[in-house]
Amino acid sequence: MGTADSGRTPEIPDHDHAPTSNEPWNVWTVPNLVSLLRLCGIPLFLWLVLVEEADLAAFVVLVLAGASDWVDGYLARRLDQRSRLGVLLDPAVDRLYILATLVGLALRDVIGWWLVAILVSRDVFLLVLLPLLRGSGRIALPVTYVGKTATFALFWGFPVLLLGSLPGAWGATLSVIGWAFALWGTFLYWWAGVRYARDMIASGRAR
């Protein structure tokens, strides 16, 4: 039995804007500059945490990365500078930061490789479904409340875990707090991934 809107592509809930191929590129924008500066912080973090083992400096880099993740989105809305590059670059930088932080902390034995596998497998899972996203006319996954909350929890959990390696009661307390953020963020990261996958599959069937 058909309805008047049976051929309509299902809407993805609680997102600000689902980026499509109609977005202008607008390479030279303030939000894109912020994202590029964030990108430059990734090799700096890895050098600090793996070569210098300067945990406090690495902590500062991660905190700035987490804060600037909010800044570039705010500037894009405030300055009306949304762009096709921006909707691709911002989540890509987020994922690269998460991957780099996971690898750096695992190599330092701050976290186990099991956590790396759980988080990376989520992105591999979505990568398999990428053709469905392209087929629906979108160029990137939409921003959702669950996804942003997951990123926030991971971005703040990882640096606190790094400081959790400090000796004494402070280190033990920070480790507990860091793991609470990291595990909650991991759960939300996968929850957001499952929702993305569900909606991509629904969009593909509706075409």
N, C-alpha and C. Protein backbone atom coordinates (compact mmCIF):
# COMPACT_ATOMS: atom_id res chain seq x y z
N MET A 1 0.84 -1.19 0.00
CA MET A 1 0.00 0.00 0.00
C MET A 1 0.87 1.24 0.00
N GLY A 2 0.69 2.13 -0.98
CA GLY A 2 1.53 3.32 -1.07
C GLY A 2 0.85 4.50 -0.44
N THR A 3 1.65 5.45 -0.07
CA THR A 3 1.18 6.71 0.47
C THR A 3 1.76 7.82 -0.35
N ALA A 4 1.29 9.04 -0.08
CA ALA A 4 1.71 10.18 -0.88
C ALA A 4 3.19 10.44 -0.75
N ASP A 5 3.79 10.07 0.39
CA ASP A 5 5.22 10.36 0.57
C ASP A 5 6.03 9.08 0.71
N SER A 6 5.53 7.98 0.12
CA SER A 6 6.21 6.71 0.27
C SER A 6 7.57 6.70 -0.39
N GLY A 7 7.80 7.57 -1.37
CA GLY A 7 9.10 7.59 -2.04
C GLY A 7 10.07 8.58 -1.45
N ARG A 8 9.71 9.20 -0.36
CA ARG A 8 10.57 10.23 0.22
C ARG A 8 11.70 9.58 1.02
N THR A 9 12.89 10.14 0.91
CA THR A 9 14.02 9.65 1.67
C THR A 9 13.81 9.93 3.15
N PRO A 10 13.99 8.94 4.01
CA PRO A 10 13.77 9.15 5.44
C PRO A 10 14.67 10.24 5.98
N GLU A 11 14.13 11.03 6.90
CA GLU A 11 14.94 12.07 7.52
C GLU A 11 15.79 11.48 8.63
N ILE A 12 16.98 12.04 8.80
CA ILE A 12 17.85 11.61 9.87
C ILE A 12 17.61 12.52 11.06
N PRO A 13 17.26 11.99 12.21
CA PRO A 13 16.85 12.82 13.33
C PRO A 13 17.99 13.60 13.95
N ASP A 14 17.62 14.63 14.67
CA ASP A 14 18.45 15.49 15.51
C ASP A 14 19.77 15.89 14.88
N HIS A 15 19.76 16.30 13.60
CA HIS A 15 20.98 16.84 13.03
C HIS A 15 20.72 18.26 12.56
N ASP A 16 21.80 19.07 12.56
CA ASP A 16 21.67 20.45 12.16
C ASP A 16 21.46 20.58 10.66
N HIS A 17 22.21 19.79 9.91
CA HIS A 17 22.16 19.94 8.47
C HIS A 17 22.85 18.73 7.86
N ALA A 18 22.20 18.03 6.95
CA ALA A 18 22.83 16.91 6.28
C ALA A 18 23.57 17.43 5.06
N PRO A 19 24.91 17.44 5.06
CA PRO A 19 25.66 18.02 3.96
C PRO A 19 25.46 17.27 2.67
N THR A 20 25.25 17.99 1.60
CA THR A 20 25.03 17.39 0.30
C THR A 20 26.06 17.91 -0.68
N SER A 21 26.04 17.33 -1.89
CA SER A 21 26.99 17.73 -2.93
C SER A 21 26.68 19.12 -3.46
N ASN A 22 25.57 19.74 -3.05
CA ASN A 22 25.24 21.09 -3.48
C ASN A 22 25.93 22.17 -2.65
N GLU A 23 26.60 21.77 -1.55
CA GLU A 23 27.31 22.74 -0.73
C GLU A 23 28.42 23.40 -1.54
N PRO A 24 28.64 24.73 -1.41
CA PRO A 24 29.79 25.36 -2.06
C PRO A 24 31.08 24.92 -1.38
N TRP A 25 32.19 24.89 -2.14
CA TRP A 25 33.46 24.47 -1.55
C TRP A 25 33.98 25.53 -0.58
N ASN A 26 34.04 26.80 -0.99
CA ASN A 26 34.47 27.90 -0.10
C ASN A 26 35.68 27.50 0.76
N VAL A 27 36.80 27.25 0.09
CA VAL A 27 37.98 26.75 0.79
C VAL A 27 38.49 27.73 1.84
N TRP A 28 38.57 29.00 1.47
CA TRP A 28 39.19 30.00 2.35
C TRP A 28 38.17 30.60 3.31
N THR A 29 37.88 29.87 4.37
CA THR A 29 36.97 30.36 5.40
C THR A 29 37.66 30.24 6.76
N VAL A 30 37.18 31.00 7.71
CA VAL A 30 37.75 30.96 9.06
C VAL A 30 37.60 29.57 9.70
N PRO A 31 36.42 28.93 9.62
CA PRO A 31 36.29 27.60 10.21
C PRO A 31 37.25 26.58 9.59
N ASN A 32 37.46 26.66 8.28
CA ASN A 32 38.39 25.74 7.64
C ASN A 32 39.81 25.97 8.12
N LEU A 33 40.17 27.23 8.36
CA LEU A 33 41.50 27.54 8.90
C LEU A 33 41.68 26.93 10.28
N VAL A 34 40.64 27.02 11.11
CA VAL A 34 40.70 26.41 12.44
C VAL A 34 40.88 24.89 12.32
N SER A 35 40.16 24.27 11.39
CA SER A 35 40.29 22.82 11.19
C SER A 35 41.69 22.44 10.73
N LEU A 36 42.29 23.26 9.86
CA LEU A 36 43.65 22.98 9.39
C LEU A 36 44.66 23.13 10.52
N LEU A 37 44.46 24.11 11.38
CA LEU A 37 45.34 24.27 12.54
C LEU A 37 45.20 23.07 13.48
N ARG A 38 43.98 22.59 13.65
CA ARG A 38 43.77 21.38 14.46
C ARG A 38 44.50 20.20 13.86
N LEU A 39 44.46 20.10 12.53
CA LEU A 39 45.14 19.00 11.84
C LEU A 39 46.64 19.02 12.11
N CYS A 40 47.22 20.21 12.14
CA CYS A 40 48.66 20.34 12.41
C CYS A 40 49.02 19.89 13.82
N GLY A 41 48.05 19.88 14.71
CA GLY A 41 48.32 19.46 16.08
C GLY A 41 48.49 17.96 16.24
N ILE A 42 48.06 17.17 15.25
CA ILE A 42 48.14 15.71 15.37
C ILE A 42 49.58 15.22 15.41
N PRO A 43 50.44 15.58 14.43
CA PRO A 43 51.84 15.13 14.54
C PRO A 43 52.54 15.72 15.76
N LEU A 44 52.16 16.93 16.16
CA LEU A 44 52.75 17.53 17.36
C LEU A 44 52.42 16.69 18.59
N PHE A 45 51.16 16.26 18.71
CA PHE A 45 50.77 15.43 19.84
C PHE A 45 51.56 14.12 19.86
N LEU A 46 51.65 13.46 18.70
CA LEU A 46 52.35 12.17 18.64
C LEU A 46 53.82 12.33 19.01
N TRP A 47 54.44 13.42 18.57
CA TRP A 47 55.84 13.67 18.91
C TRP A 47 55.99 13.89 20.41
N LEU A 48 55.08 14.66 20.99
CA LEU A 48 55.16 14.95 22.42
C LEU A 48 54.94 13.70 23.26
N VAL A 49 53.97 12.88 22.88
CA VAL A 49 53.60 11.74 23.72
C VAL A 49 54.51 10.53 23.51
N LEU A 50 55.06 10.36 22.30
CA LEU A 50 55.86 9.17 22.00
C LEU A 50 57.36 9.42 22.05
N VAL A 51 57.80 10.57 21.57
CA VAL A 51 59.24 10.86 21.51
C VAL A 51 59.71 11.56 22.78
N GLU A 52 59.07 12.67 23.10
CA GLU A 52 59.49 13.45 24.26
C GLU A 52 58.89 12.93 25.57
N GLU A 53 57.78 12.20 25.47
CA GLU A 53 57.03 11.77 26.64
C GLU A 53 56.73 12.96 27.56
N ALA A 54 56.40 14.07 26.90
CA ALA A 54 56.03 15.30 27.61
C ALA A 54 54.52 15.28 27.80
N ASP A 55 54.06 14.58 28.81
CA ASP A 55 52.63 14.31 28.97
C ASP A 55 51.82 15.58 29.20
N LEU A 56 52.36 16.52 29.95
CA LEU A 56 51.60 17.74 30.23
C LEU A 56 51.40 18.55 28.95
N ALA A 57 52.45 18.67 28.13
CA ALA A 57 52.33 19.39 26.86
C ALA A 57 51.37 18.67 25.92
N ALA A 58 51.45 17.33 25.88
CA ALA A 58 50.54 16.55 25.05
C ALA A 58 49.10 16.72 25.53
N PHE A 59 48.92 16.80 26.85
CA PHE A 59 47.61 17.04 27.43
C PHE A 59 47.04 18.37 26.94
N VAL A 60 47.88 19.42 26.92
CA VAL A 60 47.44 20.74 26.48
C VAL A 60 47.01 20.69 25.02
N VAL A 61 47.77 19.98 24.17
CA VAL A 61 47.42 19.86 22.75
C VAL A 61 46.05 19.22 22.59
N LEU A 62 45.79 18.15 23.35
CA LEU A 62 44.50 17.47 23.24
C LEU A 62 43.35 18.34 23.74
N VAL A 63 43.59 19.08 24.81
CA VAL A 63 42.54 19.97 25.33
C VAL A 63 42.22 21.05 24.31
N LEU A 64 43.24 21.63 23.70
CA LEU A 64 43.02 22.65 22.67
C LEU A 64 42.30 22.06 21.46
N ALA A 65 42.63 20.82 21.11
CA ALA A 65 41.96 20.16 19.99
C ALA A 65 40.48 19.97 20.30
N GLY A 66 40.18 19.55 21.53
CA GLY A 66 38.78 19.37 21.91
C GLY A 66 38.00 20.67 21.92
N ALA A 67 38.63 21.73 22.42
CA ALA A 67 37.96 23.03 22.47
C ALA A 67 37.76 23.60 21.07
N SER A 68 38.76 23.47 20.21
CA SER A 68 38.66 24.03 18.86
C SER A 68 37.68 23.25 17.99
N ASP A 69 37.37 22.01 18.38
CA ASP A 69 36.35 21.25 17.65
C ASP A 69 35.00 21.94 17.76
N TRP A 70 34.73 22.53 18.91
CA TRP A 70 33.49 23.31 19.08
C TRP A 70 33.60 24.65 18.38
N VAL A 71 34.80 25.25 18.41
CA VAL A 71 34.99 26.60 17.85
C VAL A 71 34.72 26.64 16.36
N ASP A 72 35.24 25.67 15.60
CA ASP A 72 35.06 25.75 14.14
C ASP A 72 33.59 25.60 13.75
N GLY A 73 32.85 24.74 14.46
CA GLY A 73 31.42 24.62 14.17
C GLY A 73 30.66 25.88 14.52
N TYR A 74 31.03 26.48 15.65
CA TYR A 74 30.38 27.72 16.07
C TYR A 74 30.64 28.83 15.06
N LEU A 75 31.89 28.95 14.61
CA LEU A 75 32.23 30.00 13.65
C LEU A 75 31.52 29.79 12.32
N ALA A 76 31.38 28.53 11.90
CA ALA A 76 30.69 28.25 10.64
C ALA A 76 29.26 28.75 10.69
N ARG A 77 28.60 28.54 11.84
CA ARG A 77 27.22 29.00 11.98
C ARG A 77 27.16 30.51 12.19
N ARG A 78 28.04 31.02 13.03
CA ARG A 78 28.01 32.44 13.38
C ARG A 78 28.34 33.33 12.18
N LEU A 79 29.34 32.92 11.40
CA LEU A 79 29.79 33.71 10.25
C LEU A 79 29.11 33.31 8.95
N ASP A 80 28.21 32.31 9.03
CA ASP A 80 27.54 31.79 7.84
C ASP A 80 28.57 31.38 6.80
N GLN A 81 29.54 30.57 7.24
CA GLN A 81 30.62 30.14 6.36
C GLN A 81 30.65 28.62 6.23
N ARG A 82 29.48 28.01 6.12
CA ARG A 82 29.43 26.57 5.85
C ARG A 82 29.99 26.30 4.47
N SER A 83 30.70 25.20 4.33
CA SER A 83 31.28 24.87 3.03
C SER A 83 31.36 23.36 2.88
N ARG A 84 31.46 22.94 1.64
CA ARG A 84 31.58 21.51 1.36
C ARG A 84 32.87 20.95 1.95
N LEU A 85 33.97 21.74 1.83
CA LEU A 85 35.23 21.31 2.42
C LEU A 85 35.11 21.19 3.93
N GLY A 86 34.42 22.15 4.54
CA GLY A 86 34.29 22.15 5.99
C GLY A 86 33.56 20.94 6.53
N VAL A 87 32.47 20.54 5.88
CA VAL A 87 31.70 19.40 6.39
C VAL A 87 32.45 18.08 6.17
N LEU A 88 33.44 18.08 5.28
CA LEU A 88 34.30 16.91 5.11
C LEU A 88 35.50 16.96 6.05
N LEU A 89 36.09 18.16 6.17
CA LEU A 89 37.34 18.31 6.92
C LEU A 89 37.14 18.16 8.42
N ASP A 90 36.11 18.76 8.97
CA ASP A 90 35.92 18.75 10.43
C ASP A 90 35.79 17.34 11.00
N PRO A 91 34.87 16.49 10.48
CA PRO A 91 34.79 15.14 11.03
C PRO A 91 36.02 14.29 10.72
N ALA A 92 36.68 14.57 9.58
CA ALA A 92 37.90 13.83 9.25
C ALA A 92 39.00 14.12 10.27
N VAL A 93 39.13 15.40 10.65
CA VAL A 93 40.13 15.77 11.66
C VAL A 93 39.77 15.13 13.01
N ASP A 94 38.49 15.11 13.35
CA ASP A 94 38.06 14.46 14.60
C ASP A 94 38.50 13.01 14.63
N ARG A 95 38.27 12.29 13.54
CA ARG A 95 38.60 10.87 13.50
C ARG A 95 40.10 10.65 13.52
N LEU A 96 40.85 11.52 12.85
CA LEU A 96 42.31 11.40 12.87
C LEU A 96 42.85 11.65 14.27
N TYR A 97 42.26 12.62 14.97
CA TYR A 97 42.68 12.88 16.35
C TYR A 97 42.39 11.67 17.23
N ILE A 98 41.21 11.11 17.08
CA ILE A 98 40.86 9.94 17.88
C ILE A 98 41.82 8.79 17.59
N LEU A 99 42.10 8.54 16.30
CA LEU A 99 43.01 7.45 15.93
C LEU A 99 44.42 7.70 16.47
N ALA A 100 44.93 8.92 16.26
CA ALA A 100 46.29 9.25 16.71
C ALA A 100 46.40 9.13 18.23
N THR A 101 45.38 9.59 18.93
CA THR A 101 45.40 9.52 20.39
C THR A 101 45.34 8.08 20.86
N LEU A 102 44.50 7.28 20.23
CA LEU A 102 44.41 5.87 20.58
C LEU A 102 45.75 5.17 20.41
N VAL A 103 46.38 5.37 19.26
CA VAL A 103 47.66 4.72 18.98
C VAL A 103 48.73 5.21 19.95
N GLY A 104 48.78 6.54 20.16
CA GLY A 104 49.78 7.09 21.06
C GLY A 104 49.63 6.56 22.48
N LEU A 105 48.41 6.54 22.99
CA LEU A 105 48.18 6.07 24.35
C LEU A 105 48.39 4.56 24.47
N ALA A 106 48.05 3.81 23.42
CA ALA A 106 48.27 2.36 23.46
C ALA A 106 49.76 2.04 23.44
N LEU A 107 50.53 2.76 22.63
CA LEU A 107 51.98 2.53 22.59
C LEU A 107 52.65 2.90 23.91
N ARG A 108 52.04 3.82 24.63
CA ARG A 108 52.56 4.20 25.95
C ARG A 108 51.97 3.32 27.07
N ASP A 109 51.14 2.34 26.70
CA ASP A 109 50.50 1.44 27.66
C ASP A 109 49.56 2.15 28.62
N VAL A 110 49.02 3.29 28.19
CA VAL A 110 48.02 4.00 28.98
C VAL A 110 46.66 3.32 28.82
N ILE A 111 46.37 2.85 27.61
CA ILE A 111 45.15 2.10 27.32
C ILE A 111 45.53 0.79 26.64
N GLY A 112 44.59 -0.14 26.58
CA GLY A 112 44.84 -1.40 25.91
C GLY A 112 44.48 -1.34 24.43
N TRP A 113 45.07 -2.23 23.66
CA TRP A 113 44.79 -2.26 22.22
C TRP A 113 43.35 -2.71 21.94
N TRP A 114 42.72 -3.33 22.92
CA TRP A 114 41.32 -3.72 22.74
C TRP A 114 40.43 -2.49 22.52
N LEU A 115 40.75 -1.37 23.20
CA LEU A 115 39.96 -0.16 23.02
C LEU A 115 40.20 0.43 21.63
N VAL A 116 41.44 0.34 21.17
CA VAL A 116 41.75 0.79 19.80
C VAL A 116 40.91 0.00 18.81
N ALA A 117 40.86 -1.32 18.98
CA ALA A 117 40.12 -2.17 18.04
C ALA A 117 38.63 -1.84 18.05
N ILE A 118 38.06 -1.61 19.23
CA ILE A 118 36.63 -1.33 19.32
C ILE A 118 36.27 -0.04 18.60
N LEU A 119 37.06 1.02 18.80
CA LEU A 119 36.74 2.31 18.21
C LEU A 119 37.04 2.34 16.71
N VAL A 120 38.15 1.75 16.31
CA VAL A 120 38.49 1.75 14.88
C VAL A 120 37.51 0.90 14.09
N SER A 121 37.06 -0.21 14.66
CA SER A 121 36.13 -1.09 13.95
C SER A 121 34.81 -0.39 13.66
N ARG A 122 34.44 0.58 14.48
CA ARG A 122 33.21 1.34 14.22
C ARG A 122 33.33 2.13 12.94
N ASP A 123 34.48 2.79 12.71
CA ASP A 123 34.66 3.57 11.49
C ASP A 123 34.80 2.67 10.27
N VAL A 124 35.43 1.51 10.45
CA VAL A 124 35.51 0.55 9.34
C VAL A 124 34.11 0.06 8.98
N PHE A 125 33.29 -0.17 9.97
CA PHE A 125 31.90 -0.59 9.77
C PHE A 125 31.14 0.42 8.93
N LEU A 126 31.30 1.72 9.24
CA LEU A 126 30.62 2.76 8.47
C LEU A 126 31.23 2.93 7.09
N LEU A 127 32.53 2.69 6.97
CA LEU A 127 33.20 2.83 5.67
C LEU A 127 32.62 1.85 4.66
N VAL A 128 32.25 0.67 5.12
CA VAL A 128 31.64 -0.33 4.23
C VAL A 128 30.33 0.18 3.65
N LEU A 129 29.62 1.02 4.43
CA LEU A 129 28.32 1.53 4.00
C LEU A 129 28.42 2.86 3.26
N LEU A 130 29.64 3.32 3.00
CA LEU A 130 29.84 4.62 2.36
C LEU A 130 29.12 4.76 1.02
N PRO A 131 29.08 3.72 0.17
CA PRO A 131 28.34 3.86 -1.10
C PRO A 131 26.88 4.25 -0.91
N LEU A 132 26.25 3.79 0.17
CA LEU A 132 24.86 4.18 0.43
C LEU A 132 24.75 5.66 0.74
N LEU A 133 25.74 6.21 1.43
CA LEU A 133 25.75 7.64 1.73
C LEU A 133 25.88 8.44 0.44
N ARG A 134 26.79 8.04 -0.41
CA ARG A 134 26.98 8.74 -1.68
C ARG A 134 25.73 8.63 -2.55
N GLY A 135 25.10 7.46 -2.52
CA GLY A 135 23.90 7.26 -3.33
C GLY A 135 22.74 8.12 -2.90
N SER A 136 22.73 8.55 -1.63
CA SER A 136 21.64 9.40 -1.15
C SER A 136 21.89 10.87 -1.43
N GLY A 137 23.02 11.19 -2.08
CA GLY A 137 23.32 12.57 -2.44
C GLY A 137 24.05 13.36 -1.39
N ARG A 138 24.43 12.71 -0.27
CA ARG A 138 25.16 13.41 0.79
C ARG A 138 26.65 13.14 0.65
N ILE A 139 27.47 14.07 1.12
CA ILE A 139 28.91 13.92 1.00
C ILE A 139 29.57 13.56 2.33
N ALA A 140 28.84 13.67 3.41
CA ALA A 140 29.38 13.34 4.73
C ALA A 140 28.23 12.99 5.66
N LEU A 141 28.57 12.30 6.74
CA LEU A 141 27.56 11.98 7.73
C LEU A 141 27.07 13.26 8.40
N PRO A 142 25.78 13.36 8.67
CA PRO A 142 25.26 14.57 9.34
C PRO A 142 25.72 14.64 10.79
N VAL A 143 25.74 15.84 11.30
CA VAL A 143 26.08 16.05 12.71
C VAL A 143 24.87 15.67 13.57
N THR A 144 25.08 14.82 14.56
CA THR A 144 24.00 14.44 15.46
C THR A 144 24.42 14.72 16.90
N TYR A 145 23.43 14.85 17.75
CA TYR A 145 23.70 15.11 19.16
C TYR A 145 24.50 13.96 19.78
N VAL A 146 24.12 12.73 19.45
CA VAL A 146 24.81 11.57 20.02
C VAL A 146 26.26 11.53 19.54
N GLY A 147 26.47 11.78 18.25
CA GLY A 147 27.81 11.75 17.70
C GLY A 147 28.71 12.81 18.31
N LYS A 148 28.19 14.03 18.46
CA LYS A 148 29.00 15.11 19.04
C LYS A 148 29.27 14.85 20.52
N THR A 149 28.31 14.27 21.23
CA THR A 149 28.53 13.94 22.63
C THR A 149 29.60 12.87 22.77
N ALA A 150 29.59 11.89 21.87
CA ALA A 150 30.61 10.85 21.88
C ALA A 150 32.00 11.44 21.66
N THR A 151 32.10 12.32 20.66
CA THR A 151 33.39 12.95 20.37
C THR A 151 33.86 13.78 21.56
N PHE A 152 32.93 14.52 22.17
CA PHE A 152 33.27 15.32 23.35
C PHE A 152 33.82 14.44 24.47
N ALA A 153 33.13 13.33 24.76
CA ALA A 153 33.56 12.45 25.84
C ALA A 153 34.93 11.85 25.57
N LEU A 154 35.19 11.46 24.32
CA LEU A 154 36.49 10.89 23.97
C LEU A 154 37.59 11.94 24.02
N PHE A 155 37.29 13.14 23.50
CA PHE A 155 38.29 14.20 23.48
C PHE A 155 38.70 14.64 24.88
N TRP A 156 37.80 14.51 25.84
CA TRP A 156 38.14 14.88 27.21
C TRP A 156 38.59 13.69 28.04
N GLY A 157 38.14 12.50 27.68
CA GLY A 157 38.58 11.31 28.41
C GLY A 157 40.03 10.96 28.15
N PHE A 158 40.47 11.06 26.90
CA PHE A 158 41.84 10.67 26.56
C PHE A 158 42.91 11.52 27.25
N PRO A 159 42.81 12.86 27.22
CA PRO A 159 43.83 13.63 27.93
C PRO A 159 43.85 13.40 29.43
N VAL A 160 42.67 13.17 30.03
CA VAL A 160 42.63 12.88 31.46
C VAL A 160 43.29 11.53 31.75
N LEU A 161 43.09 10.56 30.86
CA LEU A 161 43.77 9.27 31.00
C LEU A 161 45.28 9.43 30.93
N LEU A 162 45.72 10.33 30.07
CA LEU A 162 47.16 10.58 29.94
C LEU A 162 47.73 11.07 31.26
N LEU A 163 47.02 11.98 31.93
CA LEU A 163 47.47 12.47 33.23
C LEU A 163 47.26 11.43 34.33
N GLY A 164 46.42 10.43 34.04
CA GLY A 164 46.19 9.38 35.02
C GLY A 164 47.41 8.52 35.28
N SER A 165 48.43 8.65 34.43
CA SER A 165 49.67 7.90 34.65
C SER A 165 50.56 8.55 35.70
N LEU A 166 50.15 9.73 36.22
CA LEU A 166 50.91 10.38 37.29
C LEU A 166 50.87 9.53 38.55
N PRO A 167 51.93 9.55 39.33
CA PRO A 167 51.95 8.74 40.56
C PRO A 167 51.05 9.33 41.65
N GLY A 168 50.65 8.49 42.57
CA GLY A 168 49.91 8.95 43.74
C GLY A 168 48.41 8.99 43.54
N ALA A 169 47.74 9.59 44.53
CA ALA A 169 46.27 9.63 44.55
C ALA A 169 45.70 10.43 43.39
N TRP A 170 46.40 11.52 43.02
CA TRP A 170 45.91 12.33 41.91
C TRP A 170 45.85 11.51 40.63
N GLY A 171 46.89 10.76 40.37
CA GLY A 171 46.92 9.93 39.16
C GLY A 171 45.82 8.89 39.16
N ALA A 172 45.60 8.25 40.31
CA ALA A 172 44.54 7.23 40.41
C ALA A 172 43.17 7.84 40.19
N THR A 173 42.94 9.03 40.76
CA THR A 173 41.65 9.69 40.60
C THR A 173 41.41 10.10 39.15
N LEU A 174 42.45 10.67 38.53
CA LEU A 174 42.33 11.09 37.13
C LEU A 174 42.11 9.89 36.22
N SER A 175 42.74 8.77 36.55
CA SER A 175 42.57 7.56 35.74
C SER A 175 41.12 7.08 35.76
N VAL A 176 40.50 7.10 36.94
CA VAL A 176 39.09 6.69 37.06
C VAL A 176 38.20 7.63 36.25
N ILE A 177 38.43 8.93 36.38
CA ILE A 177 37.62 9.91 35.64
C ILE A 177 37.82 9.73 34.14
N GLY A 178 39.08 9.56 33.73
CA GLY A 178 39.38 9.39 32.31
C GLY A 178 38.72 8.17 31.72
N TRP A 179 38.77 7.05 32.46
CA TRP A 179 38.14 5.83 31.96
C TRP A 179 36.62 5.97 31.90
N ALA A 180 36.04 6.70 32.83
CA ALA A 180 34.59 6.93 32.79
C ALA A 180 34.20 7.67 31.52
N PHE A 181 34.94 8.73 31.19
CA PHE A 181 34.68 9.48 29.96
C PHE A 181 34.92 8.60 28.73
N ALA A 182 36.05 7.87 28.73
CA ALA A 182 36.43 7.09 27.55
C ALA A 182 35.43 5.97 27.26
N LEU A 183 35.00 5.26 28.29
CA LEU A 183 34.07 4.16 28.08
C LEU A 183 32.68 4.66 27.69
N TRP A 184 32.24 5.74 28.32
CA TRP A 184 30.96 6.33 27.94
C TRP A 184 31.03 6.84 26.50
N GLY A 185 32.13 7.49 26.15
CA GLY A 185 32.31 7.98 24.79
C GLY A 185 32.35 6.85 23.78
N THR A 186 32.97 5.73 24.15
CA THR A 186 33.04 4.57 23.25
C THR A 186 31.64 4.00 23.00
N PHE A 187 30.85 3.89 24.06
CA PHE A 187 29.48 3.42 23.90
C PHE A 187 28.69 4.34 22.97
N LEU A 188 28.77 5.66 23.20
CA LEU A 188 28.04 6.62 22.37
C LEU A 188 28.56 6.63 20.94
N TYR A 189 29.86 6.44 20.78
CA TYR A 189 30.47 6.42 19.44
C TYR A 189 29.87 5.29 18.61
N TRP A 190 29.73 4.12 19.23
CA TRP A 190 29.12 2.99 18.52
C TRP A 190 27.62 3.18 18.35
N TRP A 191 26.98 3.74 19.34
CA TRP A 191 25.54 4.00 19.23
C TRP A 191 25.27 4.94 18.06
N ALA A 192 26.05 6.01 17.97
CA ALA A 192 25.90 6.92 16.84
C ALA A 192 26.17 6.21 15.53
N GLY A 193 27.18 5.33 15.52
CA GLY A 193 27.51 4.59 14.31
C GLY A 193 26.38 3.69 13.85
N VAL A 194 25.74 3.00 14.79
CA VAL A 194 24.61 2.13 14.45
C VAL A 194 23.45 2.95 13.90
N ARG A 195 23.21 4.12 14.49
CA ARG A 195 22.13 4.98 13.99
C ARG A 195 22.44 5.50 12.59
N TYR A 196 23.71 5.89 12.37
CA TYR A 196 24.11 6.32 11.03
C TYR A 196 23.86 5.20 10.03
N ALA A 197 24.29 3.98 10.39
CA ALA A 197 24.14 2.84 9.50
C ALA A 197 22.68 2.55 9.20
N ARG A 198 21.85 2.58 10.23
CA ARG A 198 20.42 2.33 10.06
C ARG A 198 19.81 3.32 9.08
N ASP A 199 20.16 4.60 9.24
CA ASP A 199 19.56 5.62 8.38
C ASP A 199 20.12 5.57 6.96
N MET A 200 21.40 5.20 6.82
CA MET A 200 21.96 5.06 5.48
C MET A 200 21.29 3.91 4.73
N ILE A 201 21.06 2.80 5.43
CA ILE A 201 20.39 1.66 4.81
C ILE A 201 18.96 2.02 4.43
N ALA A 202 18.26 2.74 5.32
CA ALA A 202 16.89 3.16 5.03
C ALA A 202 16.86 4.10 3.83
N SER A 203 17.83 5.01 3.74
CA SER A 203 17.90 5.93 2.60
C SER A 203 18.15 5.18 1.31
N GLY A 204 19.02 4.15 1.38
CA GLY A 204 19.32 3.37 0.19
C GLY A 204 18.11 2.60 -0.30
N ARG A 205 17.30 2.08 0.62
CA ARG A 205 16.11 1.33 0.23
C ARG A 205 15.03 2.24 -0.35
N ALA A 206 15.03 3.51 0.10
CA ALA A 206 13.98 4.44 -0.34
C ALA A 206 14.25 5.01 -1.73
N ARG A 207 15.47 4.83 -2.23
CA ARG A 207 15.78 5.40 -3.54
C ARG A 207 15.05 4.66 -4.65
